[in-house]
Amino acid sequence: MPYLNFLYLQRMDYLYFKIGNILPIQNLLENMIWTIINKQTYRNTVNQITMGLLFLNLLEYTDTLYQDNIKTSEQELIFSSLKYVKSHYPQNLFCIQ
């Protein structure tokens, strides 16, 4: 178990979403994996666009973010910023007019 303790003590620079039951996100991930495995034409372009769609969809599910008990000021800032954007700009966040 010393390896696990080492991993736990390291700084975590990622966001972990619990998206096991969210079909649109699963679909986007499945599409990315399928294009890689089947070596589709333009797979890099398709996956870049799909990744953008994935990030836009994840913005809808910020409530599924995993938050451990140990929080840094940086993590607090990220979570409060995400909650602020979601509550104050619920619609048309990425619409170009």
Protein backbone atom coordinates (compact mmCIF):
# COMPACT_ATOMS: atom_id res chain seq x y z
CA MET A 1 0.00 0.00 0.00
CA PRO A 2 2.87 2.53 0.09
CA TYR A 3 2.25 3.17 -3.62
CA LEU A 4 -1.36 4.17 -2.94
CA ASN A 5 -0.28 6.52 -0.17
CA PHE A 6 2.22 8.12 -2.52
CA LEU A 7 -0.48 8.67 -5.15
CA TYR A 8 -2.83 10.11 -2.56
CA LEU A 9 -0.28 12.64 -1.36
CA GLN A 10 0.51 13.92 -4.83
CA ARG A 11 -1.20 17.07 -6.08
CA MET A 12 -4.28 16.25 -8.14
CA ASP A 13 -4.53 18.29 -11.33
CA TYR A 14 -7.64 16.82 -12.87
CA LEU A 15 -11.41 16.94 -12.62
CA TYR A 16 -13.21 13.66 -12.07
CA PHE A 17 -16.81 13.51 -13.30
CA LYS A 18 -19.13 10.70 -12.23
CA ILE A 19 -20.77 10.17 -15.62
CA GLY A 20 -21.58 6.47 -15.49
CA ASN A 21 -25.30 7.05 -16.11
CA ILE A 22 -25.13 10.04 -18.46
CA LEU A 23 -25.92 8.75 -21.94
CA PRO A 24 -24.81 11.77 -24.08
CA ILE A 25 -21.33 11.74 -22.53
CA GLN A 26 -21.04 7.98 -22.88
CA ASN A 27 -22.07 8.30 -26.53
CA LEU A 28 -19.38 10.90 -27.28
CA LEU A 29 -16.70 8.77 -25.61
CA GLU A 30 -17.90 5.70 -27.49
CA ASN A 31 -17.70 7.60 -30.79
CA MET A 32 -14.13 8.70 -30.06
CA ILE A 33 -13.03 5.18 -29.20
CA TRP A 34 -14.78 3.72 -32.25
CA THR A 35 -13.08 6.13 -34.67
CA ILE A 36 -9.67 5.29 -33.19
CA ILE A 37 -10.17 1.52 -33.24
CA ASN A 38 -11.65 1.45 -36.75
CA LYS A 39 -9.05 3.87 -38.15
CA GLN A 40 -11.63 6.11 -39.75
CA THR A 41 -10.66 8.74 -42.31
CA TYR A 42 -10.20 12.16 -40.69
CA ARG A 43 -10.29 10.54 -37.24
CA ASN A 44 -8.08 13.26 -35.72
CA THR A 45 -10.40 16.02 -36.90
CA VAL A 46 -13.51 14.10 -35.86
CA ASN A 47 -12.04 13.39 -32.42
CA GLN A 48 -10.97 17.01 -31.92
CA ILE A 49 -14.51 18.19 -32.62
CA THR A 50 -15.96 15.40 -30.47
CA MET A 51 -13.64 16.41 -27.61
CA GLY A 52 -14.99 19.96 -27.84
CA LEU A 53 -18.54 18.62 -27.69
CA LEU A 54 -17.56 16.47 -24.72
CA PHE A 55 -16.28 19.50 -22.79
CA LEU A 56 -19.41 21.49 -23.62
CA ASN A 57 -21.57 18.61 -22.40
CA LEU A 58 -19.54 18.24 -19.21
CA LEU A 59 -20.36 21.86 -18.38
CA GLU A 60 -23.96 20.71 -17.97
CA TYR A 61 -22.93 18.12 -15.38
CA THR A 62 -20.69 20.06 -13.01
CA ASP A 63 -22.81 18.70 -10.16
CA THR A 64 -21.30 15.26 -10.89
CA LEU A 65 -17.76 16.44 -10.12
CA TYR A 66 -16.07 14.37 -7.45
CA GLN A 67 -14.79 16.43 -4.55
CA ASP A 68 -12.55 14.79 -1.99
CA ASN A 69 -12.36 15.94 1.61
CA ILE A 70 -8.98 17.59 1.11
CA LYS A 71 -9.57 20.83 -0.77
CA THR A 72 -7.04 23.43 -1.76
CA SER A 73 -7.84 27.07 -2.37
CA GLU A 74 -7.30 26.38 -6.07
CA GLN A 75 -9.93 23.63 -6.04
CA GLU A 76 -12.36 25.86 -4.16
CA LEU A 77 -11.88 28.57 -6.78
CA ILE A 78 -12.52 26.13 -9.64
CA PHE A 79 -15.68 24.70 -8.07
CA SER A 80 -17.11 28.07 -7.09
CA SER A 81 -16.37 29.44 -10.58
CA LEU A 82 -18.13 26.52 -12.25
CA LYS A 83 -21.15 26.92 -9.97
CA TYR A 84 -21.27 30.67 -10.62
CA VAL A 85 -21.18 30.24 -14.40
CA LYS A 86 -23.85 27.55 -14.30
CA SER A 87 -26.20 29.58 -12.09
CA HIS A 88 -25.71 33.01 -13.68
CA TYR A 89 -25.45 31.97 -17.34
CA PRO A 90 -27.77 28.98 -17.63
CA GLN A 91 -28.70 29.52 -21.28
CA ASN A 92 -26.94 30.61 -24.44
CA LEU A 93 -23.52 30.42 -22.84
CA PHE A 94 -21.79 29.56 -26.08
CA CYS A 95 -24.14 31.10 -28.64
CA ILE A 96 -22.61 33.51 -31.10
CA GLN A 97 -24.93 36.34 -31.99
